Structure formats: C-alpha cells, structure tokens
N, C-alpha and C. Protein backbone atom coordinates (compact mmCIF):
# COMPACT_ATOMS: atom_id res chain seq x y z
N MET A 1 119.26 85.46 87.32
CA MET A 1 120.20 85.47 88.42
C MET A 1 121.59 85.72 87.84
N THR A 2 122.32 86.65 88.44
CA THR A 2 123.65 86.97 87.96
C THR A 2 124.63 85.87 88.38
N GLN A 3 125.81 85.92 87.78
CA GLN A 3 126.85 84.96 88.14
C GLN A 3 127.24 85.10 89.61
N ASP A 4 127.32 86.33 90.10
CA ASP A 4 127.64 86.55 91.52
C ASP A 4 126.59 85.95 92.43
N GLU A 5 125.33 86.11 92.05
CA GLU A 5 124.24 85.56 92.86
C GLU A 5 124.28 84.03 92.86
N ARG A 6 124.59 83.43 91.71
CA ARG A 6 124.70 81.97 91.64
C ARG A 6 125.85 81.48 92.52
N LEU A 7 126.98 82.18 92.46
CA LEU A 7 128.13 81.82 93.28
C LEU A 7 127.79 81.96 94.76
N ASP A 8 127.11 83.06 95.12
CA ASP A 8 126.72 83.27 96.51
C ASP A 8 125.79 82.15 96.98
N THR A 9 124.88 81.71 96.13
CA THR A 9 123.95 80.63 96.47
C THR A 9 124.71 79.32 96.67
N MET A 10 125.69 79.08 95.83
CA MET A 10 126.48 77.85 95.97
C MET A 10 127.28 77.87 97.27
N LEU A 11 127.86 79.01 97.59
CA LEU A 11 128.70 79.11 98.78
C LEU A 11 127.88 79.16 100.07
N ASN A 12 126.70 79.69 99.98
CA ASN A 12 125.85 79.82 101.16
C ASN A 12 124.42 79.44 100.79
N PRO A 13 124.09 78.16 100.83
CA PRO A 13 122.76 77.72 100.39
C PRO A 13 121.62 78.24 101.27
N HIS A 14 121.92 78.72 102.45
CA HIS A 14 120.88 79.22 103.36
C HIS A 14 120.69 80.73 103.25
N ARG A 15 121.40 81.34 102.34
CA ARG A 15 121.36 82.81 102.20
C ARG A 15 119.94 83.31 101.94
N ALA A 16 119.20 82.63 101.09
CA ALA A 16 117.84 83.08 100.77
C ALA A 16 116.95 83.02 102.01
N GLU A 17 117.10 81.98 102.82
CA GLU A 17 116.32 81.87 104.05
C GLU A 17 116.69 82.99 105.03
N GLU A 18 117.99 83.26 105.13
CA GLU A 18 118.45 84.32 106.03
C GLU A 18 117.93 85.68 105.58
N ARG A 19 117.96 85.92 104.28
CA ARG A 19 117.47 87.18 103.73
C ARG A 19 115.97 87.32 103.97
N ALA A 20 115.22 86.24 103.78
CA ALA A 20 113.78 86.28 104.01
C ALA A 20 113.47 86.57 105.48
N ALA A 21 114.22 85.94 106.38
CA ALA A 21 114.01 86.18 107.82
C ALA A 21 114.33 87.63 108.17
N ALA A 22 115.41 88.15 107.61
CA ALA A 22 115.79 89.55 107.87
C ALA A 22 114.70 90.49 107.33
N ASN A 23 114.17 90.20 106.15
CA ASN A 23 113.09 91.02 105.58
C ASN A 23 111.88 91.02 106.50
N GLN A 24 111.53 89.87 107.02
CA GLN A 24 110.37 89.77 107.91
C GLN A 24 110.59 90.58 109.18
N GLN A 25 111.80 90.55 109.71
CA GLN A 25 112.09 91.32 110.93
C GLN A 25 112.00 92.82 110.67
N VAL A 26 112.58 93.26 109.57
CA VAL A 26 112.53 94.69 109.24
C VAL A 26 111.09 95.11 108.97
N ALA A 27 110.35 94.30 108.23
CA ALA A 27 108.95 94.62 107.94
C ALA A 27 108.13 94.71 109.23
N ALA A 28 108.37 93.82 110.17
CA ALA A 28 107.66 93.86 111.45
C ALA A 28 107.99 95.13 112.22
N ARG A 29 109.25 95.53 112.22
CA ARG A 29 109.65 96.76 112.91
C ARG A 29 108.99 97.98 112.28
N LEU A 30 108.88 97.99 110.95
CA LEU A 30 108.23 99.10 110.27
C LEU A 30 106.73 99.11 110.55
N ARG A 31 106.10 97.94 110.57
CA ARG A 31 104.67 97.87 110.88
C ARG A 31 104.38 98.39 112.29
N ARG A 32 105.27 98.08 113.24
CA ARG A 32 105.08 98.57 114.61
C ARG A 32 105.12 100.10 114.65
N ARG A 33 105.78 100.70 113.69
CA ARG A 33 105.83 102.17 113.61
C ARG A 33 104.63 102.72 112.84
N GLY A 34 103.75 101.82 112.38
CA GLY A 34 102.55 102.24 111.68
C GLY A 34 102.66 102.29 110.18
N LEU A 35 103.75 101.76 109.64
CA LEU A 35 103.94 101.80 108.19
C LEU A 35 103.31 100.59 107.52
N ASP A 36 102.83 100.81 106.30
CA ASP A 36 102.16 99.77 105.53
C ASP A 36 103.18 99.07 104.63
N VAL A 37 103.64 97.90 105.06
CA VAL A 37 104.53 97.07 104.25
C VAL A 37 104.01 95.64 104.28
N THR A 38 104.28 94.90 103.22
CA THR A 38 103.77 93.53 103.13
C THR A 38 104.78 92.49 103.59
N GLY A 39 106.06 92.87 103.57
CA GLY A 39 107.10 91.89 103.86
C GLY A 39 107.57 91.19 102.59
N GLN A 40 106.94 91.49 101.48
CA GLN A 40 107.32 90.91 100.20
C GLN A 40 108.21 91.85 99.39
N GLU A 41 108.51 93.00 99.97
CA GLU A 41 109.36 93.98 99.29
C GLU A 41 110.78 93.45 99.15
N ARG A 42 111.51 94.00 98.21
CA ARG A 42 112.92 93.62 98.04
C ARG A 42 113.71 94.04 99.26
N SER A 43 114.72 93.26 99.59
CA SER A 43 115.57 93.54 100.76
C SER A 43 116.12 94.96 100.72
N GLU A 44 116.61 95.37 99.57
CA GLU A 44 117.21 96.68 99.43
C GLU A 44 116.19 97.78 99.69
N ASP A 45 114.97 97.59 99.20
CA ASP A 45 113.93 98.60 99.40
C ASP A 45 113.53 98.69 100.87
N LEU A 46 113.39 97.54 101.52
CA LEU A 46 113.06 97.57 102.95
C LEU A 46 114.17 98.25 103.75
N ALA A 47 115.41 97.93 103.43
CA ALA A 47 116.54 98.55 104.13
C ALA A 47 116.55 100.06 103.90
N ASP A 48 116.29 100.49 102.68
CA ASP A 48 116.26 101.93 102.38
C ASP A 48 115.10 102.61 103.11
N LEU A 49 113.95 101.95 103.16
CA LEU A 49 112.80 102.52 103.87
C LEU A 49 113.12 102.64 105.35
N PHE A 50 113.68 101.58 105.93
CA PHE A 50 114.02 101.59 107.34
C PHE A 50 115.01 102.72 107.65
N SER A 51 116.01 102.87 106.80
CA SER A 51 117.00 103.94 106.99
C SER A 51 116.36 105.32 106.89
N ALA A 52 115.47 105.49 105.91
CA ALA A 52 114.79 106.78 105.74
C ALA A 52 113.95 107.11 106.97
N VAL A 53 113.25 106.11 107.49
CA VAL A 53 112.42 106.32 108.68
C VAL A 53 113.29 106.68 109.88
N GLU A 54 114.39 105.98 110.04
CA GLU A 54 115.28 106.28 111.17
C GLU A 54 115.88 107.68 111.07
N ARG A 55 116.26 108.11 109.86
CA ARG A 55 116.79 109.47 109.68
C ARG A 55 115.71 110.50 110.03
N PHE A 56 114.48 110.26 109.55
CA PHE A 56 113.37 111.16 109.85
C PHE A 56 113.18 111.27 111.36
N GLU A 57 113.13 110.13 112.03
CA GLU A 57 112.91 110.12 113.48
C GLU A 57 114.06 110.80 114.23
N ALA A 58 115.27 110.64 113.75
CA ALA A 58 116.42 111.29 114.39
C ALA A 58 116.30 112.81 114.29
N VAL A 59 115.84 113.30 113.14
CA VAL A 59 115.67 114.75 112.98
C VAL A 59 114.53 115.24 113.86
N VAL A 60 113.45 114.47 113.94
CA VAL A 60 112.33 114.85 114.82
C VAL A 60 112.84 115.01 116.25
N GLU A 61 113.59 114.03 116.73
CA GLU A 61 114.11 114.09 118.10
C GLU A 61 115.08 115.25 118.28
N ALA A 62 115.90 115.51 117.27
CA ALA A 62 116.86 116.62 117.35
C ALA A 62 116.14 117.97 117.42
N ARG A 63 114.94 118.03 116.86
CA ARG A 63 114.15 119.27 116.88
C ARG A 63 113.23 119.33 118.09
N GLY A 64 113.35 118.35 119.00
CA GLY A 64 112.56 118.37 120.23
C GLY A 64 111.25 117.62 120.14
N GLY A 65 111.03 116.87 119.07
CA GLY A 65 109.80 116.11 118.93
C GLY A 65 109.81 114.87 119.81
N ASP A 66 108.62 114.39 120.11
CA ASP A 66 108.44 113.20 120.93
C ASP A 66 107.82 112.12 120.05
N LEU A 67 108.58 111.07 119.76
CA LEU A 67 108.11 110.03 118.85
C LEU A 67 106.92 109.25 119.40
N MET A 68 106.69 109.31 120.70
CA MET A 68 105.53 108.64 121.28
C MET A 68 104.25 109.44 121.01
N VAL A 69 104.39 110.75 120.82
CA VAL A 69 103.25 111.62 120.58
C VAL A 69 103.11 111.93 119.09
N ASP A 70 104.24 112.14 118.43
CA ASP A 70 104.25 112.52 117.02
C ASP A 70 104.44 111.28 116.14
N ASP A 71 103.48 110.37 116.19
CA ASP A 71 103.59 109.18 115.36
C ASP A 71 102.37 109.03 114.46
N LEU A 72 102.40 108.05 113.58
CA LEU A 72 101.33 107.88 112.60
C LEU A 72 99.97 107.57 113.24
N ASN A 73 99.97 107.02 114.43
CA ASN A 73 98.71 106.65 115.08
C ASN A 73 98.17 107.75 116.00
N SER A 74 98.90 108.84 116.12
CA SER A 74 98.50 109.91 117.03
C SER A 74 97.35 110.72 116.44
N THR A 75 96.34 110.98 117.27
CA THR A 75 95.23 111.83 116.83
C THR A 75 95.52 113.30 117.07
N GLU A 76 96.43 113.59 118.00
CA GLU A 76 96.80 114.96 118.31
C GLU A 76 98.30 115.10 118.51
N PRO A 77 99.06 115.08 117.40
CA PRO A 77 100.52 115.23 117.55
C PRO A 77 100.85 116.65 118.03
N ASP A 78 101.99 116.76 118.72
CA ASP A 78 102.45 118.09 119.15
C ASP A 78 102.71 118.99 117.94
N ASP A 79 103.28 118.41 116.91
CA ASP A 79 103.60 119.16 115.69
C ASP A 79 103.37 118.24 114.50
N PRO A 80 102.39 118.52 113.66
CA PRO A 80 102.10 117.65 112.52
C PRO A 80 103.30 117.43 111.59
N ASP A 81 104.23 118.40 111.56
CA ASP A 81 105.42 118.25 110.73
C ASP A 81 106.32 117.13 111.24
N PHE A 82 106.16 116.77 112.52
CA PHE A 82 106.98 115.72 113.12
C PHE A 82 106.42 114.32 112.90
N VAL A 83 105.29 114.23 112.23
CA VAL A 83 104.67 112.93 111.96
C VAL A 83 105.15 112.44 110.60
N LEU A 84 105.59 111.21 110.57
CA LEU A 84 106.04 110.58 109.34
C LEU A 84 104.94 110.66 108.28
N PRO A 85 105.26 110.99 107.04
CA PRO A 85 104.22 111.01 106.01
C PRO A 85 103.54 109.64 105.88
N VAL A 86 102.26 109.66 105.61
CA VAL A 86 101.49 108.43 105.41
C VAL A 86 101.72 107.94 103.99
N ARG A 87 101.88 106.65 103.84
CA ARG A 87 102.04 106.08 102.50
C ARG A 87 100.68 106.09 101.80
N LYS A 88 100.67 106.64 100.60
CA LYS A 88 99.43 106.74 99.83
C LYS A 88 99.02 105.38 99.30
N GLN A 89 97.73 105.20 99.12
CA GLN A 89 97.20 103.96 98.57
C GLN A 89 97.84 103.68 97.20
N GLY A 90 98.45 102.53 97.06
CA GLY A 90 99.06 102.13 95.80
C GLY A 90 100.39 102.81 95.49
N GLU A 91 100.92 103.58 96.44
CA GLU A 91 102.17 104.31 96.20
C GLU A 91 103.34 103.33 96.16
N ALA A 92 104.17 103.46 95.16
CA ALA A 92 105.37 102.63 95.05
C ALA A 92 106.29 102.91 96.22
N LEU A 93 106.95 101.89 96.70
CA LEU A 93 107.81 102.03 97.87
C LEU A 93 108.91 103.06 97.64
N ARG A 94 109.52 103.06 96.46
CA ARG A 94 110.58 104.03 96.15
C ARG A 94 110.05 105.46 96.22
N ALA A 95 108.84 105.69 95.72
CA ALA A 95 108.24 107.03 95.78
C ALA A 95 108.00 107.43 97.22
N TYR A 96 107.56 106.49 98.03
CA TYR A 96 107.32 106.77 99.44
C TYR A 96 108.63 107.11 100.16
N ILE A 97 109.65 106.36 99.87
CA ILE A 97 110.97 106.65 100.47
C ILE A 97 111.41 108.07 100.11
N HIS A 98 111.22 108.46 98.86
CA HIS A 98 111.61 109.81 98.44
C HIS A 98 110.79 110.87 99.16
N ARG A 99 109.50 110.59 99.41
CA ARG A 99 108.69 111.57 100.15
C ARG A 99 109.17 111.69 101.60
N ILE A 100 109.57 110.58 102.21
CA ILE A 100 110.10 110.63 103.57
C ILE A 100 111.40 111.43 103.59
N GLU A 101 112.25 111.19 102.60
CA GLU A 101 113.51 111.93 102.52
C GLU A 101 113.27 113.43 102.33
N ALA A 102 112.27 113.78 101.54
CA ALA A 102 111.93 115.19 101.34
C ALA A 102 111.39 115.80 102.64
N ALA A 103 110.57 115.05 103.36
CA ALA A 103 110.05 115.52 104.64
C ALA A 103 111.19 115.71 105.65
N THR A 104 112.16 114.81 105.61
CA THR A 104 113.32 114.93 106.49
C THR A 104 114.11 116.19 106.18
N ALA A 105 114.30 116.46 104.90
CA ALA A 105 115.03 117.68 104.49
C ALA A 105 114.28 118.93 104.95
N ARG A 106 112.95 118.92 104.85
CA ARG A 106 112.16 120.07 105.33
C ARG A 106 112.31 120.24 106.84
N LEU A 107 112.31 119.11 107.56
CA LEU A 107 112.44 119.16 109.01
C LEU A 107 113.79 119.72 109.44
N GLU A 108 114.81 119.47 108.66
CA GLU A 108 116.14 119.98 109.01
C GLU A 108 116.17 121.50 109.01
N ARG A 109 115.22 122.12 108.30
CA ARG A 109 115.10 123.59 108.27
C ARG A 109 113.98 124.08 109.19
N HIS A 110 113.32 123.15 109.86
CA HIS A 110 112.19 123.47 110.76
C HIS A 110 112.69 124.26 111.97
N PRO A 111 111.94 125.29 112.34
CA PRO A 111 112.39 126.09 113.51
C PRO A 111 112.36 125.31 114.82
C-alpha cells in the first residue's frame, strides 16, 4: 500500500467499502449487458471496461444500430458488427478492453 493509500484509508476508513459497493454496481450493470465479469476485478479495470462498452454502444447508436436487437444475447442481430465482441474464455480483462476499443474504431469507419 502506498503512502497516499494509507493516508486515504486514515482519512476515510469506509473508502474500501464504498469502492467495493461501486465495483459490485458496475459489475452488475455489465452483466446485464451480457458481459462476463466476476466483480472481483480492480476498480480501474471495471471503470475502463464500462467506459469502453459505453463508447462502443454510442457508436452503434450513431450508426443507426438498435442495442435491443444488436446485443450479446441476440440470435439474429441486424448487423453483426454492431454486437459487442464476446470475451474469450480466460481472456485478460485488459486484452478484452483493447478488443472492444478496436471494434469501436472499426465501427467509426462502418458505412
């Protein structure tokens, strides 16, 4: 634990509980979108994943996609490019975030 983290803990003894609750909320929101997360991920990683997913979804909507149809649970999406990439078995969260970011960049050039 760094000196800053120790100081933060002294000044706010409930910080760890608040962070854990926030992680659980973000993990639940991601699971509702069909993403595989345990809730044990680092706060920063969950926040980055959530941001990446939101950016992807914003680009899908900007390109005319329907998030209710073009989602991970859809058997017949309107456009497969509008479906969030599936996390591979055993894939590190950082690698998955990078794949989502790459898919978002491709979508920005999508006709």
